[in-house]
């Protein structure tokens, strides 16, 4: 019982880090093939208020995808 109390006391001070799940979707403001992940990232953040963005392959080549909290 004493050992259990010590463990609970020890772990009570630790913070749990929980990351939100991120969902991917095509950029709604990007047009054409995505050649620059940096530009895609900037556009996703500034125009679509996403967490980040990047160029990734799809059935048509490279597209700009934005990532949001689900």
PDB file of N, CA and C in Angstrom:
ATOM      1  N   UNK A   1       0.830  -1.191   0.000  1.00  0.00           N
ATOM      2  CA  UNK A   1       0.000   0.000   0.000  1.00  0.00           C
ATOM      3  C   UNK A   1       0.874   1.254   0.000  1.00  0.00           C
ATOM      4  N   UNK A   2       1.922   1.229   0.800  1.00  0.00           N
ATOM      5  CA  UNK A   2       2.823   2.371   0.858  1.00  0.00           C
ATOM      6  C   UNK A   2       3.531   2.574  -0.478  1.00  0.00           C
ATOM      7  N   UNK A   3       3.945   1.475  -1.112  1.00  0.00           N
ATOM      8  CA  UNK A   3       4.598   1.557  -2.417  1.00  0.00           C
ATOM      9  C   UNK A   3       3.641   2.136  -3.456  1.00  0.00           C
ATOM     10  N   UNK A   4       2.396   1.729  -3.404  1.00  0.00           N
ATOM     11  CA  UNK A   4       1.404   2.221  -4.347  1.00  0.00           C
ATOM     12  C   UNK A   4       1.179   3.718  -4.167  1.00  0.00           C
ATOM     13  N   UNK A   5       1.134   4.170  -2.937  1.00  0.00           N
ATOM     14  CA  UNK A   5       0.967   5.593  -2.654  1.00  0.00           C
ATOM     15  C   UNK A   5       2.166   6.385  -3.177  1.00  0.00           C
ATOM     16  N   UNK A   6       3.363   5.839  -3.039  1.00  0.00           N
ATOM     17  CA  UNK A   6       4.568   6.507  -3.529  1.00  0.00           C
ATOM     18  C   UNK A   6       4.537   6.619  -5.052  1.00  0.00           C
ATOM     19  N   UNK A   7       4.081   5.579  -5.721  1.00  0.00           N
ATOM     20  CA  UNK A   7       4.000   5.607  -7.183  1.00  0.00           C
ATOM     21  C   UNK A   7       2.968   6.628  -7.643  1.00  0.00           C
ATOM     22  N   UNK A   8       1.814   6.651  -6.993  1.00  0.00           N
ATOM     23  CA  UNK A   8       0.773   7.611  -7.354  1.00  0.00           C
ATOM     24  C   UNK A   8       1.255   9.033  -7.124  1.00  0.00           C
ATOM     25  N   UNK A   9       1.910   9.276  -6.006  1.00  0.00           N
ATOM     26  CA  UNK A   9       2.437  10.599  -5.701  1.00  0.00           C
ATOM     27  C   UNK A   9       3.490  11.004  -6.724  1.00  0.00           C
ATOM     28  N   UNK A  10       4.353  10.081  -7.090  1.00  0.00           N
ATOM     29  CA  UNK A  10       5.425  10.354  -8.049  1.00  0.00           C
ATOM     30  C   UNK A  10       4.853  10.683  -9.428  1.00  0.00           C
ATOM     31  N   UNK A  11       3.863   9.919  -9.890  1.00  0.00           N
ATOM     32  CA  UNK A  11       3.322  10.125 -11.230  1.00  0.00           C
ATOM     33  C   UNK A  11       2.307  11.254 -11.299  1.00  0.00           C
ATOM     34  N   UNK A  12       1.782  11.689 -10.185  1.00  0.00           N
ATOM     35  CA  UNK A  12       0.787  12.758 -10.186  1.00  0.00           C
ATOM     36  C   UNK A  12       1.387  14.068 -10.681  1.00  0.00           C
ATOM     37  N   UNK A  13       2.685  14.253 -10.492  1.00  0.00           N
ATOM     38  CA  UNK A  13       3.337  15.477 -10.924  1.00  0.00           C
ATOM     39  C   UNK A  13       3.684  15.501 -12.401  1.00  0.00           C
ATOM     40  N   UNK A  14       3.583  14.386 -13.091  1.00  0.00           N
ATOM     41  CA  UNK A  14       3.913  14.330 -14.510  1.00  0.00           C
ATOM     42  C   UNK A  14       2.750  14.843 -15.342  1.00  0.00           C
ATOM     43  N   UNK A  15       3.071  15.591 -16.384  1.00  0.00           N
ATOM     44  CA  UNK A  15       2.037  16.087 -17.281  1.00  0.00           C
ATOM     45  C   UNK A  15       1.889  15.121 -18.449  1.00  0.00           C
ATOM     46  N   UNK A  16       0.679  14.828 -18.787  1.00  0.00           N
ATOM     47  CA  UNK A  16       0.419  13.971 -19.942  1.00  0.00           C
ATOM     48  C   UNK A  16       0.367  14.850 -21.187  1.00  0.00           C
ATOM     49  N   UNK A  17       1.118  14.468 -22.192  1.00  0.00           N
ATOM     50  CA  UNK A  17       1.122  15.198 -23.453  1.00  0.00           C
ATOM     51  C   UNK A  17       0.184  14.472 -24.406  1.00  0.00           C
ATOM     52  N   UNK A  18      -0.847  15.170 -24.803  1.00  0.00           N
ATOM     53  CA  UNK A  18      -1.826  14.590 -25.715  1.00  0.00           C
ATOM     54  C   UNK A  18      -1.870  15.459 -26.962  1.00  0.00           C
ATOM     55  N   UNK A  19      -1.605  14.846 -28.099  1.00  0.00           N
ATOM     56  CA  UNK A  19      -1.652  15.581 -29.350  1.00  0.00           C
ATOM     57  C   UNK A  19      -2.974  15.298 -30.045  1.00  0.00           C
ATOM     58  N   UNK A  20      -3.543  16.348 -30.611  1.00  0.00           N
ATOM     59  CA  UNK A  20      -4.790  16.185 -31.347  1.00  0.00           C
ATOM     60  C   UNK A  20      -4.522  15.433 -32.642  1.00  0.00           C
ATOM     61  N   UNK A  21      -5.487  14.653 -33.052  1.00  0.00           N
ATOM     62  CA  UNK A  21      -5.366  13.937 -34.315  1.00  0.00           C
ATOM     63  C   UNK A  21      -5.448  14.960 -35.447  1.00  0.00           C
ATOM     64  N   UNK A  22      -4.643  14.758 -36.480  1.00  0.00           N
ATOM     65  CA  UNK A  22      -4.598  15.684 -37.605  1.00  0.00           C
ATOM     66  C   UNK A  22      -5.252  15.026 -38.817  1.00  0.00           C
ATOM     67  N   UNK A  23      -6.146  15.775 -39.469  1.00  0.00           N
ATOM     68  CA  UNK A  23      -6.832  15.283 -40.667  1.00  0.00           C
ATOM     69  C   UNK A  23      -6.308  16.007 -41.901  1.00  0.00           C
ATOM     70  N   UNK A  24      -6.164  15.271 -42.979  1.00  0.00           N
ATOM     71  CA  UNK A  24      -5.635  15.795 -44.239  1.00  0.00           C
ATOM     72  C   UNK A  24      -6.773  16.018 -45.222  1.00  0.00           C
ATOM     73  N   UNK A  25      -6.700  17.137 -45.955  1.00  0.00           N
ATOM     74  CA  UNK A  25      -7.639  17.336 -47.060  1.00  0.00           C
ATOM     75  C   UNK A  25      -6.985  18.213 -48.120  1.00  0.00           C
ATOM     76  N   UNK A  26      -7.496  18.101 -49.338  1.00  0.00           N
ATOM     77  CA  UNK A  26      -6.972  18.923 -50.420  1.00  0.00           C
ATOM     78  C   UNK A  26      -7.150  20.391 -50.076  1.00  0.00           C
ATOM     79  N   UNK A  27      -6.175  21.199 -50.469  1.00  0.00           N
ATOM     80  CA  UNK A  27      -6.295  22.634 -50.286  1.00  0.00           C
ATOM     81  C   UNK A  27      -7.444  23.152 -51.135  1.00  0.00           C
ATOM     82  N   UNK A  28      -8.245  24.010 -50.560  1.00  0.00           N
ATOM     83  CA  UNK A  28      -9.345  24.619 -51.295  1.00  0.00           C
ATOM     84  C   UNK A  28      -8.929  25.861 -52.050  1.00  0.00           C
ATOM     85  N   UNK A  29      -7.739  26.380 -51.762  1.00  0.00           N
ATOM     86  CA  UNK A  29      -7.301  27.623 -52.396  1.00  0.00           C
ATOM     87  C   UNK A  29      -6.140  27.427 -53.372  1.00  0.00           C
ATOM     88  N   UNK A  30      -5.584  26.232 -53.438  1.00  0.00           N
ATOM     89  CA  UNK A  30      -4.447  25.944 -54.327  1.00  0.00           C
ATOM     90  C   UNK A  30      -4.978  25.466 -55.666  1.00  0.00           C
ATOM     91  N   UNK A  31      -4.363  25.919 -56.754  1.00  0.00           N
ATOM     92  CA  UNK A  31      -4.751  25.414 -58.073  1.00  0.00           C
ATOM     93  C   UNK A  31      -3.502  24.942 -58.803  1.00  0.00           C
ATOM     94  N   UNK A  32      -3.628  23.856 -59.516  1.00  0.00           N
ATOM     95  CA  UNK A  32      -2.511  23.329 -60.288  1.00  0.00           C
ATOM     96  C   UNK A  32      -1.653  22.359 -59.502  1.00  0.00           C
ATOM     97  N   UNK A  33      -0.554  21.967 -60.157  1.00  0.00           N
ATOM     98  CA  UNK A  33       0.381  21.021 -59.555  1.00  0.00           C
ATOM     99  C   UNK A  33       1.161  21.711 -58.442  1.00  0.00           C
ATOM    100  N   UNK A  34       1.439  20.991 -57.398  1.00  0.00           N
ATOM    101  CA  UNK A  34       2.159  21.532 -56.242  1.00  0.00           C
ATOM    102  C   UNK A  34       3.642  21.168 -56.350  1.00  0.00           C
ATOM    103  N   UNK A  35       4.473  22.173 -56.592  1.00  0.00           N
ATOM    104  CA  UNK A  35       5.915  21.955 -56.705  1.00  0.00           C
ATOM    105  C   UNK A  35       6.678  22.410 -55.465  1.00  0.00           C
ATOM    106  N   UNK A  36       6.044  23.227 -54.625  1.00  0.00           N
ATOM    107  CA  UNK A  36       6.730  23.795 -53.467  1.00  0.00           C
ATOM    108  C   UNK A  36       5.932  23.546 -52.189  1.00  0.00           C
ATOM    109  N   UNK A  37       6.429  22.631 -51.358  1.00  0.00           N
ATOM    110  CA  UNK A  37       5.763  22.373 -50.078  1.00  0.00           C
ATOM    111  C   UNK A  37       5.790  23.603 -49.189  1.00  0.00           C
ATOM    112  N   UNK A  38       6.835  24.404 -49.319  1.00  0.00           N
ATOM    113  CA  UNK A  38       6.936  25.623 -48.520  1.00  0.00           C
ATOM    114  C   UNK A  38       5.811  26.596 -48.876  1.00  0.00           C
ATOM    115  N   UNK A  39       5.571  26.791 -50.170  1.00  0.00           N
ATOM    116  CA  UNK A  39       4.485  27.682 -50.598  1.00  0.00           C
ATOM    117  C   UNK A  39       3.122  27.106 -50.224  1.00  0.00           C
ATOM    118  N   UNK A  40       2.967  25.808 -50.380  1.00  0.00           N
ATOM    119  CA  UNK A  40       1.721  25.136 -49.994  1.00  0.00           C
ATOM    120  C   UNK A  40       1.477  25.318 -48.498  1.00  0.00           C
ATOM    121  N   UNK A  41       2.511  25.123 -47.705  1.00  0.00           N
ATOM    122  CA  UNK A  41       2.409  25.281 -46.254  1.00  0.00           C
ATOM    123  C   UNK A  41       1.951  26.692 -45.894  1.00  0.00           C
ATOM    124  N   UNK A  42       2.596  27.688 -46.495  1.00  0.00           N
ATOM    125  CA  UNK A  42       2.249  29.082 -46.219  1.00  0.00           C
ATOM    126  C   UNK A  42       0.801  29.367 -46.597  1.00  0.00           C
ATOM    127  N   UNK A  43       0.394  28.900 -47.769  1.00  0.00           N
ATOM    128  CA  UNK A  43      -0.971  29.145 -48.225  1.00  0.00           C
ATOM    129  C   UNK A  43      -1.989  28.450 -47.329  1.00  0.00           C
ATOM    130  N   UNK A  44      -1.708  27.223 -46.930  1.00  0.00           N
ATOM    131  CA  UNK A  44      -2.627  26.502 -46.040  1.00  0.00           C
ATOM    132  C   UNK A  44      -2.800  27.236 -44.712  1.00  0.00           C
ATOM    133  N   UNK A  45      -1.707  27.717 -44.174  1.00  0.00           N
ATOM    134  CA  UNK A  45      -1.757  28.408 -42.883  1.00  0.00           C
ATOM    135  C   UNK A  45      -2.456  29.756 -43.011  1.00  0.00           C
ATOM    136  N   UNK A  46      -2.055  30.556 -43.996  1.00  0.00           N
ATOM    137  CA  UNK A  46      -2.564  31.923 -44.110  1.00  0.00           C
ATOM    138  C   UNK A  46      -3.979  32.009 -44.679  1.00  0.00           C
ATOM    139  N   UNK A  47      -4.303  31.195 -45.666  1.00  0.00           N
ATOM    140  CA  UNK A  47      -5.608  31.311 -46.323  1.00  0.00           C
ATOM    141  C   UNK A  47      -6.659  30.355 -45.777  1.00  0.00           C
ATOM    142  N   UNK A  48      -6.215  29.205 -45.274  1.00  0.00           N
ATOM    143  CA  UNK A  48      -7.186  28.199 -44.843  1.00  0.00           C
ATOM    144  C   UNK A  48      -7.132  27.925 -43.341  1.00  0.00           C
ATOM    145  N   UNK A  49      -6.241  28.634 -42.649  1.00  0.00           N
ATOM    146  CA  UNK A  49      -6.098  28.514 -41.195  1.00  0.00           C
ATOM    147  C   UNK A  49      -5.811  27.080 -40.754  1.00  0.00           C
ATOM    148  N   UNK A  50      -5.012  26.382 -41.560  1.00  0.00           N
ATOM    149  CA  UNK A  50      -4.599  25.016 -41.243  1.00  0.00           C
ATOM    150  C   UNK A  50      -3.407  25.052 -40.301  1.00  0.00           C
ATOM    151  N   UNK A  51      -3.092  23.902 -39.719  1.00  0.00           N
ATOM    152  CA  UNK A  51      -1.896  23.788 -38.880  1.00  0.00           C
ATOM    153  C   UNK A  51      -0.646  23.843 -39.742  1.00  0.00           C
ATOM    154  N   UNK A  52      -0.685  23.144 -40.892  1.00  0.00           N
ATOM    155  CA  UNK A  52       0.426  23.137 -41.846  1.00  0.00           C
ATOM    156  C   UNK A  52      -0.058  22.534 -43.150  1.00  0.00           C
ATOM    157  N   UNK A  53       0.793  22.551 -44.152  1.00  0.00           N
ATOM    158  CA  UNK A  53       0.443  21.979 -45.449  1.00  0.00           C
ATOM    159  C   UNK A  53       1.677  21.449 -46.140  1.00  0.00           C
ATOM    160  N   UNK A  54       1.465  20.706 -47.210  1.00  0.00           N
ATOM    161  CA  UNK A  54       2.589  20.163 -47.958  1.00  0.00           C
ATOM    162  C   UNK A  54       2.138  19.524 -49.257  1.00  0.00           C
ATOM    163  N   UNK A  55       3.077  19.390 -50.196  1.00  0.00           N
ATOM    164  CA  UNK A  55       2.821  18.740 -51.477  1.00  0.00           C
ATOM    165  C   UNK A  55       2.960  17.232 -51.312  1.00  0.00           C
ATOM    166  N   UNK A  56       1.965  16.506 -51.795  1.00  0.00           N
ATOM    167  CA  UNK A  56       1.996  15.044 -51.748  1.00  0.00           C
ATOM    168  C   UNK A  56       1.386  14.500 -53.029  1.00  0.00           C
ATOM    169  N   UNK A  57       1.790  13.302 -53.388  1.00  0.00           N
ATOM    170  CA  UNK A  57       1.282  12.714 -54.625  1.00  0.00           C
ATOM    171  C   UNK A  57      -0.156  12.236 -54.460  1.00  0.00           C
ATOM    172  N   UNK A  58      -0.894  12.365 -55.550  1.00  0.00           N
ATOM    173  CA  UNK A  58      -2.232  11.798 -55.642  1.00  0.00           C
ATOM    174  C   UNK A  58      -2.353  11.171 -57.030  1.00  0.00           C
ATOM    175  N   UNK A  59      -3.537  10.840 -57.465  1.00  0.00           N
ATOM    176  CA  UNK A  59      -3.728  10.184 -58.760  1.00  0.00           C
ATOM    177  C   UNK A  59      -3.337  11.060 -59.951  1.00  0.00           C
ATOM    178  N   UNK A  60      -3.291  12.372 -59.757  1.00  0.00           N
ATOM    179  CA  UNK A  60      -2.993  13.303 -60.849  1.00  0.00           C
ATOM    180  C   UNK A  60      -1.586  13.878 -60.804  1.00  0.00           C
ATOM    181  N   UNK A  61      -0.778  13.493 -59.858  1.00  0.00           N
ATOM    182  CA  UNK A  61       0.574  14.043 -59.716  1.00  0.00           C
ATOM    183  C   UNK A  61       0.796  14.513 -58.291  1.00  0.00           C
ATOM    184  N   UNK A  62       1.170  15.777 -58.157  1.00  0.00           N
ATOM    185  CA  UNK A  62       1.391  16.359 -56.835  1.00  0.00           C
ATOM    186  C   UNK A  62       0.318  17.394 -56.534  1.00  0.00           C
ATOM    187  N   UNK A  63      -0.251  17.308 -55.355  1.00  0.00           N
ATOM    188  CA  UNK A  63      -1.299  18.236 -54.934  1.00  0.00           C
ATOM    189  C   UNK A  63      -0.926  18.840 -53.584  1.00  0.00           C
ATOM    190  N   UNK A  64      -1.489  19.996 -53.310  1.00  0.00           N
ATOM    191  CA  UNK A  64      -1.282  20.663 -52.024  1.00  0.00           C
ATOM    192  C   UNK A  64      -2.342  20.157 -51.046  1.00  0.00           C
ATOM    193  N   UNK A  65      -1.881  19.608 -49.942  1.00  0.00           N
ATOM    194  CA  UNK A  65      -2.772  19.129 -48.892  1.00  0.00           C
ATOM    195  C   UNK A  65      -2.584  19.990 -47.653  1.00  0.00           C
ATOM    196  N   UNK A  66      -3.690  20.314 -47.000  1.00  0.00           N
ATOM    197  CA  UNK A  66      -3.656  21.058 -45.747  1.00  0.00           C
ATOM    198  C   UNK A  66      -4.047  20.116 -44.613  1.00  0.00           C
ATOM    199  N   UNK A  67      -3.504  20.383 -43.437  1.00  0.00           N
ATOM    200  CA  UNK A  67      -3.722  19.529 -42.271  1.00  0.00           C
ATOM    201  C   UNK A  67      -4.357  20.340 -41.150  1.00  0.00           C
ATOM    202  N   UNK A  68      -5.455  19.807 -40.649  1.00  0.00           N
ATOM    203  CA  UNK A  68      -6.252  20.468 -39.615  1.00  0.00           C
ATOM    204  C   UNK A  68      -6.445  19.529 -38.433  1.00  0.00           C
ATOM    205  N   UNK A  69      -6.735  20.098 -37.259  1.00  0.00           N
ATOM    206  CA  UNK A  69      -7.161  19.266 -36.135  1.00  0.00           C
ATOM    207  C   UNK A  69      -8.491  18.637 -36.515  1.00  0.00           C
ATOM    208  N   UNK A  70      -8.630  17.360 -36.233  1.00  0.00           N
ATOM    209  CA  UNK A  70      -9.893  16.666 -36.556  1.00  0.00           C
ATOM    210  C   UNK A  70     -10.996  17.066 -35.596  1.00  0.00           C
TER     211      UNK A  70
END
